[in-house]
Amino acid sequence: SYKTSYDIQVEQLDVLRIIAANTGLYGSYDTGTDYVPRTGPYLLHQGERVTPAGQAGGVTVSFGNIVFNGVRDGSEAVSTFKGFLKSPVFRKAVQEAAAGR
């Protein structure tokens, strides 16, 4: 029977999962993850990126329409947000919202 490339990829992933389950691999994050729970062997896929913990580029934090990129942890997010609240950009946005713009 005819198999699409998607069908073949699904079968390959299933085989890789079976191999991983029987070779001591801790798992695979083919759909992505923000956190690897423990050190050990994982199955990596072509095109995936691995960033050492000390070199992580940060995450994007959103507060409604307010977005901060490259935030490394919660305290940095809070600090960045507090700085934004004191900024002229924020004051102008509040004034425009109050004026109905």
Protein backbone atom coordinates (compact mmCIF):
# COMPACT_ATOMS: atom_id res chain seq x y z
CA SER A 1 0.00 0.00 0.00
CA TYR A 2 1.08 3.61 -0.61
CA LYS A 3 2.41 5.54 2.35
CA THR A 4 2.76 9.29 2.49
CA SER A 5 5.94 10.86 3.80
CA TYR A 6 3.98 11.77 6.94
CA ASP A 7 3.01 8.11 7.48
CA ILE A 8 6.65 7.08 7.11
CA GLN A 9 7.79 9.76 9.58
CA VAL A 10 5.19 8.62 12.12
CA GLU A 11 6.39 5.02 11.75
CA GLN A 12 10.02 6.13 12.13
CA LEU A 13 9.18 8.06 15.31
CA ASP A 14 7.37 5.02 16.69
CA VAL A 15 10.43 2.84 16.00
CA LEU A 16 12.72 5.43 17.60
CA ARG A 17 10.49 5.53 20.68
CA ILE A 18 10.71 1.73 20.96
CA ILE A 19 14.50 1.90 20.62
CA ALA A 20 14.63 4.67 23.23
CA ALA A 21 12.48 2.66 25.62
CA ASN A 22 14.84 -0.31 25.32
CA THR A 23 18.22 1.42 25.37
CA GLY A 24 18.11 3.46 28.54
CA LEU A 25 17.27 6.75 26.87
CA TYR A 26 15.23 9.08 29.06
CA GLY A 27 12.99 10.22 26.28
CA SER A 28 12.52 12.49 23.34
CA TYR A 29 11.13 15.99 23.05
CA ASP A 30 10.03 15.90 19.42
CA THR A 31 7.31 18.44 20.23
CA GLY A 32 9.70 20.65 22.22
CA THR A 33 10.19 21.43 25.89
CA ASP A 34 11.26 24.36 28.04
CA TYR A 35 12.87 22.11 30.63
CA VAL A 36 14.74 18.79 30.62
CA PRO A 37 13.93 17.10 33.96
CA ARG A 38 17.15 15.16 34.47
CA THR A 39 20.62 14.66 33.07
CA GLY A 40 21.02 11.67 30.80
CA PRO A 41 20.70 10.39 27.25
CA TYR A 42 17.83 11.76 25.15
CA LEU A 43 16.90 11.19 21.55
CA LEU A 44 17.58 14.29 19.46
CA HIS A 45 16.14 14.97 16.02
CA GLN A 46 17.69 16.69 13.03
CA GLY A 47 17.22 20.45 13.23
CA GLU A 48 16.72 20.58 17.00
CA ARG A 49 18.77 22.98 19.08
CA VAL A 50 20.36 22.19 22.41
CA THR A 51 21.36 25.14 24.59
CA PRO A 52 23.48 24.59 27.71
CA ALA A 53 21.68 25.67 30.89
CA GLY A 54 24.14 28.47 31.63
CA GLN A 55 23.77 29.89 28.14
CA ALA A 56 19.99 29.90 27.80
CA GLY A 57 18.74 32.86 25.83
CA GLY A 58 15.75 33.54 28.02
CA VAL A 59 12.06 33.39 27.33
CA THR A 60 9.34 35.76 26.24
CA VAL A 61 7.09 37.03 29.03
CA SER A 62 3.76 38.66 28.18
CA PHE A 63 1.49 40.78 30.33
CA GLY A 64 -1.46 41.31 27.99
CA ASN A 65 -0.11 43.38 25.10
CA ILE A 66 3.15 44.08 26.94
CA VAL A 67 5.91 41.69 25.84
CA PHE A 68 9.45 41.29 27.19
CA ASN A 69 11.90 39.12 25.22
CA GLY A 70 14.99 37.38 26.58
CA VAL A 71 13.89 37.27 30.25
CA ARG A 72 15.98 34.67 32.09
CA ASP A 73 13.96 34.18 35.29
CA GLY A 74 11.00 35.41 37.33
CA SER A 75 12.90 38.08 39.23
CA GLU A 76 14.22 39.54 35.98
CA ALA A 77 10.66 39.58 34.59
CA VAL A 78 9.41 41.45 37.66
CA SER A 79 12.31 43.91 37.54
CA THR A 80 11.78 44.54 33.82
CA PHE A 81 8.05 45.05 34.35
CA LYS A 82 8.62 47.48 37.25
CA GLY A 83 11.02 49.44 35.05
CA PHE A 84 8.40 49.58 32.32
CA LEU A 85 5.80 50.89 34.79
CA LYS A 86 8.11 53.82 35.55
CA SER A 87 8.88 54.56 31.89
CA PRO A 88 7.59 57.47 29.77
CA VAL A 89 6.23 54.92 27.29
CA PHE A 90 3.93 53.47 29.96
CA ARG A 91 2.82 56.91 31.18
CA LYS A 92 1.94 57.91 27.61
CA ALA A 93 -0.01 54.67 27.08
CA VAL A 94 -2.01 55.31 30.28
CA GLN A 95 -2.74 58.88 29.25
CA GLU A 96 -3.92 57.76 25.79
CA ALA A 97 -6.09 55.01 27.31
CA ALA A 98 -7.64 57.54 29.72
CA ALA A 99 -8.35 59.86 26.80
CA GLY A 100 -10.05 57.01 24.94
CA ARG A 101 -7.41 56.63 22.25
